[in-house]
């Protein structure tokens, strides 16, 4: 007999590979450990993760609703379907967390109580505010969405950017993404990579990750350690060509996407991240959990909240990144940093519950 009487619903568009998707599954375990009946609701069938059997999974497809004319009308009708699905198939939720753009647009119209938005990205960079013609119109749209429910930002940088551009429109709090240290350490034992004495980069081949900057900086070093790139994405062919152009084919390996990247991270000499924007870079926190040294660009949110200043590099600065890579290749342990136990899933789930209690009172 199920004695779990409290219900947590975590909503995300799909469970395709990504930091936000992984954080939803990890946070779900945190709520489960607190005694909650946890449900993950998605709008697309894509799944690229091994699913935790402690959680319940639901699919309510958004695709058929795309035929409804008018974006606002479409979202409003689908929101009603989502509310009804949750109440009829799951039950009255004690907490509902909306993650990423599509669910946020849907939950703008939700009538459920105890809803909060989880803001995973620096909005001004995600929506490229500096390149938008009618920025006032875009900001008005975002204010309309995010003024409906309390907001949780995954880093101080994300929170500061949100308030700067949209104002203090609703109760807002920083709560970092959860990191399942014990689970990560266990998964890291799954195998020993065939490579030895290497640098690892984990991230999708997309513009924000700046693989191009990393490769140009790496080309300026003595390349005494090979560089492994773990991920997939639409810019992969561009990166492959750049590797050829920089004459790095013997030094850089593309490993593709791996459900379990942790053995590669654990056995690396150090991890590098060269993003020009992040929300909360989970790959850094996960490397800390594995006691792997890290160097990272000091992008707008995330890295400086986890790493000492000496581990940070200026964004898009090829020469500075090359210099830091060279230092790390000579002495990786110089860039070791400690894991913060407040990031454990149960502790993060407690922070969500505390915040929503504060808001409701």
Protein backbone atom coordinates (compact mmCIF):
# COMPACT_ATOMS: atom_id res chain seq x y z
CA UNK A 1 0.00 0.00 0.00
CA UNK A 2 1.35 3.41 -1.00
CA UNK A 3 1.71 5.59 2.09
CA UNK A 4 2.98 8.56 0.11
CA UNK A 5 0.27 11.17 0.40
CA UNK A 6 2.14 14.24 -0.89
CA UNK A 7 2.50 14.73 -4.65
CA UNK A 8 5.25 16.51 -6.59
CA UNK A 9 4.82 17.08 -10.34
CA UNK A 10 7.84 18.06 -12.43
CA UNK A 11 7.02 19.24 -15.95
CA UNK A 12 9.43 19.45 -18.90
CA UNK A 13 9.03 19.32 -22.67
CA UNK A 14 11.00 16.08 -23.12
CA UNK A 15 13.78 14.00 -21.59
CA UNK A 16 16.27 14.37 -24.40
CA UNK A 17 19.91 14.89 -23.36
CA UNK A 18 20.41 18.18 -21.53
CA UNK A 19 21.26 19.66 -18.15
CA UNK A 20 17.72 20.78 -17.31
CA UNK A 21 16.33 17.36 -18.20
CA UNK A 22 18.89 15.62 -16.03
CA UNK A 23 18.23 18.01 -13.14
CA UNK A 24 14.49 17.23 -13.27
CA UNK A 25 15.16 13.52 -12.81
CA UNK A 26 17.66 14.18 -10.02
CA UNK A 27 15.35 16.59 -8.20
CA UNK A 28 12.58 14.02 -8.51
CA UNK A 29 14.69 11.61 -6.46
CA UNK A 30 15.16 14.36 -3.88
CA UNK A 31 11.40 14.71 -3.45
CA UNK A 32 11.05 10.93 -3.37
CA UNK A 33 13.59 10.78 -0.52
CA UNK A 34 11.40 13.28 1.36
CA UNK A 35 8.42 10.93 1.05
CA UNK A 36 6.69 12.44 -1.99
CA UNK A 37 4.92 10.58 -4.78
CA UNK A 38 6.85 12.05 -7.73
CA UNK A 39 5.49 12.42 -11.26
CA UNK A 40 7.41 13.63 -14.31
CA UNK A 41 5.13 14.97 -17.04
CA UNK A 42 6.52 15.65 -20.53
CA UNK A 43 5.00 16.89 -23.79
CA UNK A 44 7.25 15.04 -26.28
CA UNK A 45 8.12 11.32 -26.21
CA UNK A 46 11.89 11.75 -26.57
CA UNK A 47 13.91 10.07 -23.79
CA UNK A 48 17.71 9.77 -23.71
CA UNK A 49 18.20 8.97 -20.03
CA UNK A 50 17.87 5.82 -17.98
CA UNK A 51 14.70 6.51 -16.01
CA UNK A 52 14.67 6.26 -12.23
CA UNK A 53 12.15 3.59 -11.24
CA UNK A 54 11.22 5.54 -8.08
CA UNK A 55 9.49 8.16 -10.24
CA UNK A 56 6.28 7.98 -12.29
CA UNK A 57 6.36 9.12 -15.94
CA UNK A 58 3.59 10.65 -18.04
CA UNK A 59 3.37 11.78 -21.66
CA UNK A 60 0.76 14.29 -22.80
CA UNK A 61 1.63 15.17 -26.38
CA UNK A 62 1.61 18.83 -27.36
CA UNK A 63 1.99 18.13 -31.09
CA UNK A 64 -1.75 17.65 -31.89
CA UNK A 65 -2.47 21.06 -30.32
CA UNK A 66 -0.15 22.77 -32.82
CA UNK A 67 -3.06 22.63 -35.27
CA UNK A 68 -5.01 25.10 -33.13
CA UNK A 69 -4.66 28.62 -34.64
CA UNK A 70 -3.24 31.38 -32.45
CA UNK A 71 -0.36 30.82 -30.04
CA UNK A 72 -2.09 32.16 -26.94
CA UNK A 73 -5.30 30.22 -27.69
CA UNK A 74 -3.30 27.05 -28.34
CA UNK A 75 -1.40 27.36 -25.05
CA UNK A 76 -4.56 28.19 -23.12
CA UNK A 77 -6.40 25.12 -24.41
CA UNK A 78 -3.42 22.86 -23.80
CA UNK A 79 -3.00 24.30 -20.29
CA UNK A 80 -6.57 23.27 -19.51
CA UNK A 81 -5.78 19.75 -20.78
CA UNK A 82 -2.63 19.64 -18.62
CA UNK A 83 -4.52 20.77 -15.52
CA UNK A 84 -7.22 18.18 -16.10
CA UNK A 85 -4.68 15.43 -16.75
CA UNK A 86 -2.79 16.17 -13.54
CA UNK A 87 -5.94 16.34 -11.40
CA UNK A 88 -7.54 13.22 -12.94
CA UNK A 89 -4.51 10.98 -13.56
CA UNK A 90 -2.11 12.08 -10.80
CA UNK A 91 -4.07 13.87 -8.09
CA UNK A 92 -4.02 17.23 -6.33
CA UNK A 93 -0.34 18.27 -6.40
CA UNK A 94 1.45 19.79 -3.42
CA UNK A 95 4.10 21.27 -5.71
CA UNK A 96 4.34 21.71 -9.49
CA UNK A 97 7.61 22.81 -11.12
CA UNK A 98 7.61 24.04 -14.73
CA UNK A 99 10.95 23.69 -16.54
CA UNK A 100 12.03 25.43 -19.76
CA UNK A 101 10.29 27.47 -22.41
CA UNK A 102 7.34 25.37 -23.60
CA UNK A 103 6.05 24.33 -20.14
CA UNK A 104 6.52 27.92 -18.95
CA UNK A 105 4.33 29.17 -21.81
CA UNK A 106 1.71 26.54 -20.95
CA UNK A 107 1.70 27.15 -17.20
CA UNK A 108 1.14 30.83 -17.82
CA UNK A 109 -2.50 29.72 -18.13
CA UNK A 110 -2.60 26.97 -15.49
CA UNK A 111 -5.15 27.20 -12.69
CA UNK A 112 -3.32 24.72 -10.44
CA UNK A 113 -2.03 25.88 -7.05
CA UNK A 114 1.57 25.59 -5.81
CA UNK A 115 3.14 26.14 -9.25
CA UNK A 116 6.66 27.58 -9.62
CA UNK A 117 8.78 28.29 -12.68
CA UNK A 118 12.36 26.98 -12.71
CA UNK A 119 14.50 29.38 -14.76
CA UNK A 120 17.46 27.39 -16.12
CA UNK A 121 19.00 29.99 -18.44
CA UNK A 122 20.19 33.59 -18.36
CA UNK A 123 17.16 35.03 -20.16
CA UNK A 124 18.92 37.99 -21.81
CA UNK A 125 21.42 35.61 -23.43
CA UNK A 126 18.98 32.78 -24.18
CA UNK A 127 16.63 35.16 -26.02
CA UNK A 128 19.54 37.27 -27.39
CA UNK A 129 18.12 40.55 -26.11
CA UNK A 130 20.92 42.53 -27.80
CA UNK A 131 19.82 41.27 -31.25
CA UNK A 132 16.04 41.67 -30.85
CA UNK A 133 14.43 44.49 -32.83
CA UNK A 134 11.40 45.02 -30.55
CA UNK A 135 12.92 44.28 -27.14
CA UNK A 136 10.04 45.95 -25.27
CA UNK A 137 7.56 43.57 -26.88
CA UNK A 138 9.67 40.52 -25.95
CA UNK A 139 10.16 41.72 -22.37
CA UNK A 140 6.42 42.38 -22.06
CA UNK A 141 5.71 38.81 -23.21
CA UNK A 142 8.20 37.37 -20.71
CA UNK A 143 6.80 39.50 -17.88
CA UNK A 144 3.32 38.23 -18.76
CA UNK A 145 4.54 34.63 -18.43
CA UNK A 146 6.74 34.92 -15.35
CA UNK A 147 4.42 37.17 -13.32
CA UNK A 148 1.92 34.29 -12.98
CA UNK A 149 3.87 32.12 -10.50
CA UNK A 150 6.88 32.36 -8.17
CA UNK A 151 10.23 31.89 -9.90
CA UNK A 152 13.26 29.82 -8.93
CA UNK A 153 16.55 30.61 -10.66
CA UNK A 154 19.25 27.97 -10.80
CA UNK A 155 22.09 30.42 -10.07
CA UNK A 156 22.60 33.93 -8.72
CA UNK A 157 23.67 35.06 -12.18
CA UNK A 158 20.38 33.88 -13.69
CA UNK A 159 18.46 35.60 -10.88
CA UNK A 160 20.34 38.90 -11.20
CA UNK A 161 19.80 38.94 -14.96
CA UNK A 162 16.08 38.16 -14.54
CA UNK A 163 15.52 41.02 -12.07
CA UNK A 164 17.64 43.47 -14.08
CA UNK A 165 15.65 42.95 -17.27
CA UNK A 166 12.15 41.99 -16.07
CA UNK A 167 12.04 43.57 -12.61
CA UNK A 168 11.10 42.04 -9.28
CA UNK A 169 7.75 40.94 -10.70
CA UNK A 170 7.15 37.89 -8.49
CA UNK A 171 8.76 36.21 -5.47
CA UNK A 172 12.10 34.90 -6.78
CA UNK A 173 14.86 32.83 -5.24
CA UNK A 174 18.11 31.15 -6.24
CA UNK A 175 18.09 27.38 -5.79
CA UNK A 176 20.88 25.50 -7.56
CA UNK A 177 20.30 22.35 -9.56
CA UNK A 178 20.67 19.15 -7.50
CA UNK A 179 23.67 16.87 -7.90
CA UNK A 180 23.38 13.17 -7.07
CA UNK A 181 26.95 12.78 -5.82
CA UNK A 182 26.60 9.18 -4.64
CA UNK A 183 24.86 8.09 -7.84
CA UNK A 184 27.43 9.86 -10.01
CA UNK A 185 30.31 8.27 -8.13
CA UNK A 186 28.72 4.84 -8.59
CA UNK A 187 28.10 5.37 -12.32
CA UNK A 188 31.71 6.52 -12.72
CA UNK A 189 32.82 3.00 -11.79
CA UNK A 190 30.98 1.45 -14.76
CA UNK A 191 34.11 1.17 -16.91
CA UNK A 192 37.62 2.49 -17.34
CA UNK A 193 38.02 4.50 -20.57
CA UNK A 194 40.48 3.23 -23.16
CA UNK A 195 42.12 6.67 -23.11
CA UNK A 196 44.68 7.81 -20.54
CA UNK A 197 46.03 11.22 -19.48
CA UNK A 198 43.50 13.39 -21.33
CA UNK A 199 41.42 16.56 -21.05
CA UNK A 200 37.62 16.17 -21.15
CA UNK A 201 34.92 18.55 -22.36
CA UNK A 202 31.27 17.53 -21.92
CA UNK A 203 28.61 19.50 -23.78
CA UNK A 204 26.31 19.64 -26.79
CA UNK A 205 27.69 20.99 -30.05
CA UNK A 206 25.83 24.28 -29.94
CA UNK A 207 26.87 27.91 -30.14
CA UNK A 208 26.82 28.68 -26.41
CA UNK A 209 29.37 25.96 -25.60
CA UNK A 210 32.00 27.62 -27.84
CA UNK A 211 33.84 24.51 -28.95
CA UNK A 212 35.40 26.76 -31.59
CA UNK A 213 37.06 28.93 -28.94
CA UNK A 214 38.23 25.84 -27.06
CA UNK A 215 39.82 24.31 -30.16
CA UNK A 216 41.54 27.54 -31.22
CA UNK A 217 42.94 27.93 -27.69
CA UNK A 218 43.99 24.29 -27.49
CA UNK A 219 45.81 24.66 -30.83
CA UNK A 220 47.99 27.35 -29.20
CA UNK A 221 49.21 24.96 -26.47
CA UNK A 222 51.80 22.20 -26.77
CA UNK A 223 48.90 19.69 -26.83
CA UNK A 224 50.76 17.47 -24.40
CA UNK A 225 47.43 15.94 -23.37
CA UNK A 226 44.78 14.88 -25.95
CA UNK A 227 41.37 16.57 -25.83
CA UNK A 228 38.21 14.43 -25.76
CA UNK A 229 34.89 16.07 -26.73
CA UNK A 230 31.84 14.27 -25.40
CA UNK A 231 28.47 15.31 -26.87
CA UNK A 232 26.42 15.73 -30.01
CA UNK A 233 24.55 18.55 -31.71
CA UNK A 234 23.87 20.57 -34.84
CA UNK A 235 27.34 22.16 -35.00
CA UNK A 236 29.19 18.84 -35.01
CA UNK A 237 30.18 19.02 -38.69
CA UNK A 238 31.51 22.56 -38.20
CA UNK A 239 33.63 21.37 -35.29
CA UNK A 240 34.92 18.39 -37.28
CA UNK A 241 36.02 20.77 -40.06
CA UNK A 242 37.67 23.14 -37.58
CA UNK A 243 39.65 20.22 -36.11
CA UNK A 244 40.96 19.49 -39.62
CA UNK A 245 41.69 23.18 -40.34
CA UNK A 246 43.67 23.50 -37.09
CA UNK A 247 45.60 20.29 -37.80
CA UNK A 248 44.32 18.68 -34.59
CA UNK A 249 43.03 15.38 -35.97
CA UNK A 250 45.66 13.41 -34.05
CA UNK A 251 44.97 15.27 -30.79
CA UNK A 252 41.17 15.71 -30.56
CA UNK A 253 38.68 12.85 -30.28
CA UNK A 254 34.90 13.20 -30.73
CA UNK A 255 33.21 10.58 -28.55
CA UNK A 256 29.56 11.37 -29.34
CA UNK A 257 26.78 11.35 -26.72
CA UNK A 258 27.05 8.87 -23.84
CA UNK A 259 24.27 8.22 -21.35
CA UNK A 260 26.99 7.69 -18.78
CA UNK A 261 29.79 10.20 -19.28
CA UNK A 262 31.04 9.98 -15.70
CA UNK A 263 33.85 7.41 -16.19
CA UNK A 264 35.38 9.76 -18.77
CA UNK A 265 35.15 12.68 -16.34
CA UNK A 266 36.47 10.68 -13.38
CA UNK A 267 39.59 9.48 -15.22
CA UNK A 268 40.40 12.81 -16.92
CA UNK A 269 43.40 14.85 -15.83
CA UNK A 270 41.01 17.80 -15.78
CA UNK A 271 37.76 19.05 -17.28
CA UNK A 272 37.44 22.26 -19.30
CA UNK A 273 34.36 24.38 -20.05
CA UNK A 274 34.49 27.34 -22.45
CA UNK A 275 30.81 28.38 -22.63
CA UNK A 276 29.85 32.02 -23.11
CA UNK A 277 26.54 31.45 -21.33
CA UNK A 278 25.19 28.94 -18.83
CA UNK A 279 22.40 28.76 -16.29
CA UNK A 280 23.84 26.39 -13.74
CA UNK A 281 26.57 24.33 -15.44
CA UNK A 282 25.92 20.88 -14.03
CA UNK A 283 28.99 19.42 -15.72
CA UNK A 284 31.12 21.51 -13.36
CA UNK A 285 29.27 20.40 -10.22
CA UNK A 286 29.38 16.78 -11.39
CA UNK A 287 33.13 16.99 -11.96
CA UNK A 288 33.48 18.38 -8.42
CA UNK A 289 31.51 15.35 -7.18
CA UNK A 290 34.08 13.13 -8.91
CA UNK A 291 37.03 15.14 -7.55
CA UNK A 292 38.19 15.99 -11.07
CA UNK A 293 40.08 19.31 -11.44
CA UNK A 294 38.25 21.95 -13.52
CA UNK A 295 38.97 25.12 -15.46
CA UNK A 296 36.07 27.17 -16.85
CA UNK A 297 35.21 30.43 -18.51
CA UNK A 298 33.77 32.97 -16.11
CA UNK A 299 30.48 33.23 -17.99
CA UNK A 300 27.62 35.29 -16.62
CA UNK A 301 26.16 32.74 -14.24
CA UNK A 302 27.28 29.57 -12.54
CA UNK A 303 31.05 29.00 -12.64
CA UNK A 304 32.10 31.73 -10.20
CA UNK A 305 29.52 30.40 -7.73
CA UNK A 306 31.27 27.01 -7.69
CA UNK A 307 34.94 27.56 -8.49
CA UNK A 308 37.85 29.57 -7.05
CA UNK A 309 38.97 32.59 -9.08
CA UNK A 310 42.17 30.85 -10.20
CA UNK A 311 40.06 28.21 -12.00
CA UNK A 312 38.27 30.83 -14.13
CA UNK A 313 39.10 32.27 -17.56
CA UNK A 314 37.71 35.27 -19.48
CA UNK A 315 34.90 34.43 -21.92
CA UNK A 316 35.92 34.21 -25.60
CA UNK A 317 39.57 35.07 -24.82
CA UNK A 318 41.55 32.52 -26.84
CA UNK A 319 44.97 33.53 -25.50
CA UNK A 320 43.85 33.50 -21.84
CA UNK A 321 42.17 30.11 -22.30
CA UNK A 322 45.28 28.74 -24.02
CA UNK A 323 47.40 29.93 -21.09
CA UNK A 324 45.09 28.31 -18.52
CA UNK A 325 44.99 25.07 -20.52
CA UNK A 326 48.79 25.02 -20.55
CA UNK A 327 48.92 25.57 -16.78
CA UNK A 328 46.39 22.77 -16.20
CA UNK A 329 48.24 20.35 -18.47
CA UNK A 330 51.41 20.89 -16.42
CA UNK A 331 49.71 20.77 -12.99
CA UNK A 332 46.05 19.60 -13.04
CA UNK A 333 45.78 19.31 -9.24
CA UNK A 334 46.25 23.07 -8.94
CA UNK A 335 42.66 23.38 -10.20
CA UNK A 336 40.98 20.97 -7.81
CA UNK A 337 37.94 22.35 -5.90
CA UNK A 338 35.56 20.88 -3.31
CA UNK A 339 31.96 19.72 -3.75
CA UNK A 340 29.23 21.61 -1.85
CA UNK A 341 26.96 19.15 -0.01
CA UNK A 342 24.05 21.61 -0.08
CA UNK A 343 23.67 20.52 -3.73
CA UNK A 344 22.52 17.01 -2.78
CA UNK A 345 19.01 16.25 -4.15
CA UNK A 346 17.22 15.97 -0.81
CA UNK A 347 18.67 19.31 0.36
CA UNK A 348 17.66 21.05 -2.88
CA UNK A 349 14.11 19.60 -2.66
CA UNK A 350 13.87 20.98 0.90
CA UNK A 351 14.78 24.44 -0.42
CA UNK A 352 11.95 24.31 -2.97
CA UNK A 353 9.41 23.34 -0.32
CA UNK A 354 10.65 26.03 2.06
CA UNK A 355 10.42 28.69 -0.66
CA UNK A 356 6.86 27.77 -1.64
CA UNK A 357 5.83 27.71 2.02
CA UNK A 358 7.26 31.22 2.40
CA UNK A 359 5.42 32.43 -0.69
CA UNK A 360 2.07 30.92 0.29
CA UNK A 361 2.25 32.37 3.80
